[in-house]
C-alpha atoms as a PDB file:
ATOM      1  CA  MET A   1     -20.600  -3.572 -13.672  1.00  0.00           C
ATOM      2  CA  ALA A   2     -17.580  -5.032 -11.860  1.00  0.00           C
ATOM      3  CA  PRO A   3     -15.761  -2.660  -9.514  1.00  0.00           C
ATOM      4  CA  LYS A   4     -12.394  -1.478 -10.821  1.00  0.00           C
ATOM      5  CA  VAL A   5      -9.444  -1.277  -8.436  1.00  0.00           C
ATOM      6  CA  LEU A   6      -6.148   0.478  -9.121  1.00  0.00           C
ATOM      7  CA  ILE A   7      -3.162  -0.986  -7.272  1.00  0.00           C
ATOM      8  CA  ILE A   8       0.066   1.032  -7.193  1.00  0.00           C
ATOM      9  CA  LEU A   9       3.324  -0.815  -6.542  1.00  0.00           C
ATOM     10  CA  THR A  10       6.745   0.623  -5.801  1.00  0.00           C
ATOM     11  CA  SER A  11       9.448   0.840  -8.460  1.00  0.00           C
ATOM     12  CA  HIS A  12      12.265   1.076  -5.886  1.00  0.00           C
ATOM     13  CA  ASP A  13      14.518  -1.953  -5.438  1.00  0.00           C
ATOM     14  CA  LYS A  14      17.307  -1.020  -2.986  1.00  0.00           C
ATOM     15  CA  LEU A  15      17.104  -0.688   0.802  1.00  0.00           C
ATOM     16  CA  GLY A  16      18.766   2.690   1.229  1.00  0.00           C
ATOM     17  CA  GLU A  17      22.542   2.689   1.516  1.00  0.00           C
ATOM     18  CA  SER A  18      22.564  -0.965   2.565  1.00  0.00           C
ATOM     19  CA  GLY A  19      22.376  -2.052  -1.060  1.00  0.00           C
ATOM     20  CA  LYS A  20      20.076  -4.901  -0.028  1.00  0.00           C
ATOM     21  CA  PRO A  21      17.297  -5.725  -2.481  1.00  0.00           C
ATOM     22  CA  THR A  22      13.821  -4.549  -1.577  1.00  0.00           C
ATOM     23  CA  GLY A  23      10.571  -3.688  -3.334  1.00  0.00           C
ATOM     24  CA  TRP A  24       6.996  -4.753  -2.634  1.00  0.00           C
ATOM     25  CA  PHE A  25       6.119  -7.547  -0.200  1.00  0.00           C
ATOM     26  CA  LEU A  26       4.537 -10.687  -1.625  1.00  0.00           C
ATOM     27  CA  PRO A  27       1.516 -11.351   0.677  1.00  0.00           C
ATOM     28  CA  GLU A  28       0.650  -7.665   0.799  1.00  0.00           C
ATOM     29  CA  LEU A  29      -0.296  -7.876  -2.860  1.00  0.00           C
ATOM     30  CA  SER A  30      -1.265 -11.543  -3.172  1.00  0.00           C
ATOM     31  CA  HIS A  31      -3.731 -11.727  -0.277  1.00  0.00           C
ATOM     32  CA  PRO A  32      -5.775  -8.600  -1.146  1.00  0.00           C
ATOM     33  CA  TYR A  33      -5.571  -9.409  -4.861  1.00  0.00           C
ATOM     34  CA  ASP A  34      -7.056 -12.854  -4.263  1.00  0.00           C
ATOM     35  CA  VAL A  35      -9.889 -11.380  -2.170  1.00  0.00           C
ATOM     36  CA  LEU A  36     -10.736  -8.742  -4.768  1.00  0.00           C
ATOM     37  CA  LYS A  37     -10.365 -10.991  -7.782  1.00  0.00           C
ATOM     38  CA  GLU A  38     -12.543 -13.697  -6.259  1.00  0.00           C
ATOM     39  CA  ALA A  39     -15.235 -11.064  -5.791  1.00  0.00           C
ATOM     40  CA  GLY A  40     -15.075 -10.217  -9.497  1.00  0.00           C
ATOM     41  CA  CYS A  41     -13.178  -6.927  -9.317  1.00  0.00           C
ATOM     42  CA  GLU A  42     -11.242  -5.716 -12.340  1.00  0.00           C
ATOM     43  CA  ILE A  43      -7.702  -4.886 -11.255  1.00  0.00           C
ATOM     44  CA  THR A  44      -5.034  -2.715 -12.865  1.00  0.00           C
ATOM     45  CA  ILE A  45      -1.519  -2.700 -11.419  1.00  0.00           C
ATOM     46  CA  ALA A  46       0.612   0.387 -11.975  1.00  0.00           C
ATOM     47  CA  SER A  47       3.957   1.677 -10.740  1.00  0.00           C
ATOM     48  CA  PRO A  48       5.908   4.936 -11.092  1.00  0.00           C
ATOM     49  CA  ASN A  49       8.289   3.530 -13.706  1.00  0.00           C
ATOM     50  CA  GLY A  50       5.968   0.979 -15.288  1.00  0.00           C
ATOM     51  CA  GLY A  51       7.218  -2.410 -16.407  1.00  0.00           C
ATOM     52  CA  LYS A  52       8.705  -4.708 -13.798  1.00  0.00           C
ATOM     53  CA  ALA A  53       7.913  -3.718 -10.216  1.00  0.00           C
ATOM     54  CA  PRO A  54      10.577  -5.205  -7.920  1.00  0.00           C
ATOM     55  CA  LEU A  55       9.417  -7.973  -5.592  1.00  0.00           C
ATOM     56  CA  ASP A  56      11.355  -8.197  -2.332  1.00  0.00           C
ATOM     57  CA  PRO A  57      13.024 -11.630  -2.520  1.00  0.00           C
ATOM     58  CA  ALA A  58      12.995 -11.936   1.270  1.00  0.00           C
ATOM     59  CA  SER A  59       9.194 -11.960   1.184  1.00  0.00           C
ATOM     60  CA  VAL A  60       9.170 -14.884  -1.250  1.00  0.00           C
ATOM     61  CA  GLU A  61      11.344 -16.928   1.087  1.00  0.00           C
ATOM     62  CA  MET A  62       9.474 -15.830   4.199  1.00  0.00           C
ATOM     63  CA  PHE A  63       6.080 -16.829   2.791  1.00  0.00           C
ATOM     64  CA  LYS A  64       7.002 -19.933   0.819  1.00  0.00           C
ATOM     65  CA  GLN A  65       4.793 -22.011   3.135  1.00  0.00           C
ATOM     66  CA  ASP A  66       1.829 -19.693   2.552  1.00  0.00           C
ATOM     67  CA  PRO A  67      -0.359 -21.438  -0.077  1.00  0.00           C
ATOM     68  CA  SER A  68      -1.964 -18.250  -1.384  1.00  0.00           C
ATOM     69  CA  ALA A  69       1.284 -16.283  -1.623  1.00  0.00           C
ATOM     70  CA  SER A  70       3.283 -19.138  -3.130  1.00  0.00           C
ATOM     71  CA  ALA A  71       0.597 -19.855  -5.758  1.00  0.00           C
ATOM     72  CA  PHE A  72       0.437 -16.165  -6.632  1.00  0.00           C
ATOM     73  CA  PHE A  73       4.221 -16.036  -7.022  1.00  0.00           C
ATOM     74  CA  ALA A  74       4.220 -19.101  -9.256  1.00  0.00           C
ATOM     75  CA  ASP A  75       1.273 -18.171 -11.463  1.00  0.00           C
ATOM     76  CA  GLN A  76       0.912 -14.395 -11.639  1.00  0.00           C
ATOM     77  CA  LYS A  77       4.318 -12.973 -12.589  1.00  0.00           C
ATOM     78  CA  PRO A  78       2.961 -10.949 -15.543  1.00  0.00           C
ATOM     79  CA  LEU A  79       0.969  -8.854 -13.075  1.00  0.00           C
ATOM     80  CA  TRP A  80       4.096  -7.267 -11.597  1.00  0.00           C
ATOM     81  CA  GLU A  81       6.510  -7.722 -14.462  1.00  0.00           C
ATOM     82  CA  SER A  82       4.366  -5.681 -16.878  1.00  0.00           C
ATOM     83  CA  THR A  83       2.843  -2.923 -14.746  1.00  0.00           C
ATOM     84  CA  THR A  84       1.252   0.154 -16.268  1.00  0.00           C
ATOM     85  CA  LYS A  85       3.260   3.362 -15.965  1.00  0.00           C
ATOM     86  CA  LEU A  86       1.275   5.463 -13.510  1.00  0.00           C
ATOM     87  CA  SER A  87       1.710   8.737 -15.375  1.00  0.00           C
ATOM     88  CA  THR A  88      -0.054   7.295 -18.440  1.00  0.00           C
ATOM     89  CA  ILE A  89      -3.329   6.771 -16.549  1.00  0.00           C
ATOM     90  CA  ALA A  90      -3.042   9.370 -13.785  1.00  0.00           C
ATOM     91  CA  ALA A  91      -5.131  12.106 -15.406  1.00  0.00           C
ATOM     92  CA  THR A  92      -8.365  10.095 -15.331  1.00  0.00           C
ATOM     93  CA  ALA A  93      -7.577   7.393 -12.729  1.00  0.00           C
ATOM     94  CA  ALA A  94      -9.908   8.778 -10.068  1.00  0.00           C
ATOM     95  CA  ASP A  95     -12.761   8.702 -12.583  1.00  0.00           C
ATOM     96  CA  ASP A  96     -11.861   5.360 -14.157  1.00  0.00           C
ATOM     97  CA  TYR A  97     -11.401   3.330 -10.964  1.00  0.00           C
ATOM     98  CA  ASP A  98     -13.535   2.756  -7.884  1.00  0.00           C
ATOM     99  CA  ALA A  99     -10.782   2.197  -5.277  1.00  0.00           C
ATOM    100  CA  LEU A 100      -7.053   2.743  -4.822  1.00  0.00           C
ATOM    101  CA  PHE A 101      -4.684   0.410  -2.972  1.00  0.00           C
ATOM    102  CA  TYR A 102      -0.990   0.582  -2.035  1.00  0.00           C
ATOM    103  CA  PRO A 103       0.708  -2.687  -0.954  1.00  0.00           C
ATOM    104  CA  GLY A 104       3.748  -2.427   1.262  1.00  0.00           C
ATOM    105  CA  GLY A 105       7.312  -3.616   1.221  1.00  0.00           C
ATOM    106  CA  HIS A 106      10.072  -1.147   2.025  1.00  0.00           C
ATOM    107  CA  GLY A 107      10.164   0.238  -1.510  1.00  0.00           C
ATOM    108  CA  PRO A 108       7.328   2.767  -1.009  1.00  0.00           C
ATOM    109  CA  MET A 109       9.345   4.460   1.736  1.00  0.00           C
ATOM    110  CA  PHE A 110      11.843   5.547  -0.924  1.00  0.00           C
ATOM    111  CA  ASP A 111       9.737   6.382  -3.982  1.00  0.00           C
ATOM    112  CA  LEU A 112       5.989   6.564  -3.353  1.00  0.00           C
ATOM    113  CA  ALA A 113       6.391   8.743  -0.262  1.00  0.00           C
ATOM    114  CA  GLY A 114       7.572  11.568  -2.503  1.00  0.00           C
ATOM    115  CA  ASP A 115       6.001  10.689  -5.851  1.00  0.00           C
ATOM    116  CA  VAL A 116       3.942  13.708  -6.931  1.00  0.00           C
ATOM    117  CA  THR A 117       1.947  11.782  -9.541  1.00  0.00           C
ATOM    118  CA  SER A 118       0.895   9.198  -6.974  1.00  0.00           C
ATOM    119  CA  GLN A 119       0.061  11.951  -4.490  1.00  0.00           C
ATOM    120  CA  ARG A 120      -2.143  13.717  -7.024  1.00  0.00           C
ATOM    121  CA  VAL A 121      -3.966  10.505  -7.916  1.00  0.00           C
ATOM    122  CA  CYS A 122      -4.488   9.654  -4.257  1.00  0.00           C
ATOM    123  CA  SER A 123      -5.774  13.142  -3.454  1.00  0.00           C
ATOM    124  CA  GLU A 124      -8.284  12.926  -6.311  1.00  0.00           C
ATOM    125  CA  PHE A 125      -9.591   9.542  -5.157  1.00  0.00           C
ATOM    126  CA  ALA A 126     -10.051  10.944  -1.660  1.00  0.00           C
ATOM    127  CA  ALA A 127     -11.763  14.082  -2.957  1.00  0.00           C
ATOM    128  CA  LYS A 128     -14.299  11.911  -4.793  1.00  0.00           C
ATOM    129  CA  GLY A 129     -14.986   9.889  -1.633  1.00  0.00           C
ATOM    130  CA  LYS A 130     -13.567   6.703  -3.130  1.00  0.00           C
ATOM    131  CA  PRO A 131     -11.775   4.125  -0.949  1.00  0.00           C
ATOM    132  CA  VAL A 132      -8.049   4.681  -0.473  1.00  0.00           C
ATOM    133  CA  ALA A 133      -6.229   1.774   1.165  1.00  0.00           C
ATOM    134  CA  ALA A 134      -2.679   0.843   2.099  1.00  0.00           C
ATOM    135  CA  VAL A 135      -0.963  -1.849   4.144  1.00  0.00           C
ATOM    136  CA  CYS A 136       2.322  -2.130   6.085  1.00  0.00           C
ATOM    137  CA  HIS A 137       4.756   0.341   4.424  1.00  0.00           C
ATOM    138  CA  GLY A 138       2.175   1.171   1.762  1.00  0.00           C
ATOM    139  CA  PRO A 139       0.892   4.084   3.886  1.00  0.00           C
ATOM    140  CA  ALA A 140       4.208   5.800   3.131  1.00  0.00           C
ATOM    141  CA  ALA A 141       2.427   6.788  -0.088  1.00  0.00           C
ATOM    142  CA  LEU A 142      -0.194   8.636   1.980  1.00  0.00           C
ATOM    143  CA  VAL A 143       1.851  10.639   4.467  1.00  0.00           C
ATOM    144  CA  ASN A 144       2.577  13.577   2.142  1.00  0.00           C
ATOM    145  CA  VAL A 145      -0.781  13.638   0.342  1.00  0.00           C
ATOM    146  CA  LYS A 146      -2.767  16.863   0.705  1.00  0.00           C
ATOM    147  CA  VAL A 147      -6.505  17.184   0.195  1.00  0.00           C
ATOM    148  CA  PRO A 148      -7.358  19.714  -2.520  1.00  0.00           C
ATOM    149  CA  LEU A 149      -9.890  21.938  -0.761  1.00  0.00           C
ATOM    150  CA  ASP A 150      -7.731  23.334   2.036  1.00  0.00           C
ATOM    151  CA  GLY A 151      -4.354  21.668   1.529  1.00  0.00           C
ATOM    152  CA  HIS A 152      -4.231  19.806   4.833  1.00  0.00           C
ATOM    153  CA  SER A 153      -2.864  16.298   5.167  1.00  0.00           C
ATOM    154  CA  LEU A 154      -5.067  13.457   3.944  1.00  0.00           C
ATOM    155  CA  LEU A 155      -4.391  11.793   7.308  1.00  0.00           C
ATOM    156  CA  LYS A 156      -5.258  14.814   9.473  1.00  0.00           C
ATOM    157  CA  GLY A 157      -7.661  13.786  12.230  1.00  0.00           C
ATOM    158  CA  ARG A 158      -7.992  10.258  10.825  1.00  0.00           C
ATOM    159  CA  GLU A 159      -7.285   7.108  12.816  1.00  0.00           C
ATOM    160  CA  VAL A 160      -4.588   5.208  10.922  1.00  0.00           C
ATOM    161  CA  THR A 161      -2.089   2.385  11.217  1.00  0.00           C
ATOM    162  CA  GLY A 162       0.997   1.182   9.410  1.00  0.00           C
ATOM    163  CA  PHE A 163       4.278  -0.594  10.079  1.00  0.00           C
ATOM    164  CA  SER A 164       5.293   0.193  13.644  1.00  0.00           C
ATOM    165  CA  ASN A 165       8.626   1.408  14.988  1.00  0.00           C
ATOM    166  CA  VAL A 166       9.089  -1.730  17.061  1.00  0.00           C
ATOM    167  CA  GLU A 167       8.477  -3.950  14.029  1.00  0.00           C
ATOM    168  CA  GLU A 168      11.038  -1.942  12.050  1.00  0.00           C
ATOM    169  CA  ASP A 169      13.500  -2.205  14.927  1.00  0.00           C
ATOM    170  CA  GLN A 170      12.957  -5.952  15.198  1.00  0.00           C
ATOM    171  CA  MET A 171      13.813  -6.299  11.501  1.00  0.00           C
ATOM    172  CA  ASP A 172      16.931  -4.192  12.154  1.00  0.00           C
ATOM    173  CA  TYR A 173      15.983  -1.985   9.218  1.00  0.00           C
ATOM    174  CA  SER A 174      15.348   1.280  11.079  1.00  0.00           C
ATOM    175  CA  LYS A 175      18.875   2.481  10.338  1.00  0.00           C
ATOM    176  CA  TRP A 176      18.184   2.283   6.605  1.00  0.00           C
ATOM    177  CA  MET A 177      14.845   4.079   6.608  1.00  0.00           C
ATOM    178  CA  PRO A 178      14.480   7.637   5.289  1.00  0.00           C
ATOM    179  CA  PHE A 179      11.928   8.170   8.078  1.00  0.00           C
ATOM    180  CA  MET A 180      10.050   6.072  10.606  1.00  0.00           C
ATOM    181  CA  LEU A 181       6.580   5.385   9.250  1.00  0.00           C
ATOM    182  CA  GLU A 182       4.834   5.243  12.628  1.00  0.00           C
ATOM    183  CA  ASP A 183       6.250   8.639  13.582  1.00  0.00           C
ATOM    184  CA  LYS A 184       5.338  10.216  10.251  1.00  0.00           C
ATOM    185  CA  MET A 185       1.793   8.826  10.325  1.00  0.00           C
ATOM    186  CA  ASN A 186       1.305   9.936  13.912  1.00  0.00           C
ATOM    187  CA  GLU A 187       2.469  13.438  13.023  1.00  0.00           C
ATOM    188  CA  ALA A 188       0.338  13.701   9.876  1.00  0.00           C
ATOM    189  CA  SER A 189      -2.788  12.382  11.608  1.00  0.00           C
ATOM    190  CA  GLY A 190      -2.416  14.579  14.668  1.00  0.00           C
ATOM    191  CA  GLY A 191      -1.595  11.754  17.071  1.00  0.00           C
ATOM    192  CA  LYS A 192      -4.172   9.266  15.810  1.00  0.00           C
ATOM    193  CA  TYR A 193      -1.825   6.439  14.807  1.00  0.00           C
ATOM    194  CA  VAL A 194      -2.798   3.129  16.465  1.00  0.00           C
ATOM    195  CA  LYS A 195      -1.288  -0.366  16.415  1.00  0.00           C
ATOM    196  CA  ALA A 196      -1.923  -3.940  17.475  1.00  0.00           C
ATOM    197  CA  ALA A 197      -1.389  -4.933  21.097  1.00  0.00           C
ATOM    198  CA  GLU A 198       1.609  -7.038  20.075  1.00  0.00           C
ATOM    199  CA  PRO A 199       4.111  -6.573  17.236  1.00  0.00           C
ATOM    200  CA  TRP A 200       3.155  -8.432  14.048  1.00  0.00           C
ATOM    201  CA  GLY A 201      -0.465  -8.789  15.174  1.00  0.00           C
ATOM    202  CA  GLU A 202      -3.264  -8.126  12.705  1.00  0.00           C
ATOM    203  CA  LYS A 203      -4.547  -4.555  12.777  1.00  0.00           C
ATOM    204  CA  VAL A 204      -6.805  -2.873  10.229  1.00  0.00           C
ATOM    205  CA  VAL A 205      -8.295   0.583  10.695  1.00  0.00           C
ATOM    206  CA  VAL A 206     -11.209   1.917   8.671  1.00  0.00           C
ATOM    207  CA  ASP A 207     -11.873   5.646   9.040  1.00  0.00           C
ATOM    208  CA  GLY A 208     -14.455   6.683   6.491  1.00  0.00           C
ATOM    209  CA  ASN A 209     -13.074   5.723   3.078  1.00  0.00           C
ATOM    210  CA  LEU A 210      -9.498   5.520   4.389  1.00  0.00           C
ATOM    211  CA  ILE A 211      -8.325   1.959   5.072  1.00  0.00           C
ATOM    212  CA  THR A 212      -4.926   1.137   6.580  1.00  0.00           C
ATOM    213  CA  GLY A 213      -3.318  -2.103   7.753  1.00  0.00           C
ATOM    214  CA  GLN A 214      -0.304  -2.468  10.017  1.00  0.00           C
ATOM    215  CA  ASN A 215       1.754  -5.352   8.646  1.00  0.00           C
ATOM    216  CA  PRO A 216       1.736  -8.483   6.432  1.00  0.00           C
ATOM    217  CA  ALA A 217      -0.674 -10.247   8.785  1.00  0.00           C
ATOM    218  CA  SER A 218      -3.206  -7.499   8.056  1.00  0.00           C
ATOM    219  CA  ALA A 219      -3.126  -7.753   4.256  1.00  0.00           C
ATOM    220  CA  LYS A 220      -6.063 -10.097   3.677  1.00  0.00           C
ATOM    221  CA  ALA A 221      -8.276  -8.104   6.035  1.00  0.00           C
ATOM    222  CA  VAL A 222      -7.365  -4.920   4.160  1.00  0.00           C
ATOM    223  CA  GLY A 223      -8.553  -6.586   0.961  1.00  0.00           C
ATOM    224  CA  GLU A 224     -11.803  -7.514   2.703  1.00  0.00           C
ATOM    225  CA  ALA A 225     -12.202  -3.936   3.954  1.00  0.00           C
ATOM    226  CA  ILE A 226     -11.741  -2.583   0.418  1.00  0.00           C
ATOM    227  CA  LEU A 227     -14.389  -4.997  -0.814  1.00  0.00           C
ATOM    228  CA  ALA A 228     -16.776  -3.943   1.959  1.00  0.00           C
ATOM    229  CA  ALA A 229     -16.242  -0.279   1.098  1.00  0.00           C
ATOM    230  CA  LEU A 230     -16.959  -0.960  -2.576  1.00  0.00           C
ATOM    231  CA  LYS A 231     -20.261  -2.575  -1.662  1.00  0.00           C
ATOM    232  CA  LYS A 232     -21.550   0.438   0.247  1.00  0.00           C
END
């Protein structure tokens, strides 16, 4: 039977008080999706609000020379314009799917970080030992997740990565963030946040069934890590 992967996208489309459009980041969905789909995985894409999940237009422009991302943008619009409302599948998601994945983009910093339905789903996947993965700002969805047995952070004592402070500063977006993801991940993990030697370098960390990637350059490798975890 083909592995089933649940992908949760943000429903948030504004970059804080800046008013700039945001959402999910094109290659952070397209690259892992292509890896998983090519391997025969069945994929469901959900979001907190359901329906159209906002795609950050800056990511379309930034990756227009990327063949995989540009083909995905041209051919796969129904995937993100008709997402499943997360609450409608949340009760049985951890039983129905074999892995959970959160793409990035700045949107998750504003909605998924505090979304209790997403947190519950994520906690249940982790409790069942199923792969939980996130890339770039996607780990914002993980920082407030508690494990059910003793209520500690999902990230406690786990080596993790995500979008770094210096990368946020270089984008000049730090002033719009509700929190700095590197700081929050480092706090939740107990000082076990790690990052690439240079900003924007590929970095993927696998700690048990927890998979995190630092930035857009890490997205394909996160997809490959999910696939490897599913094969175990």
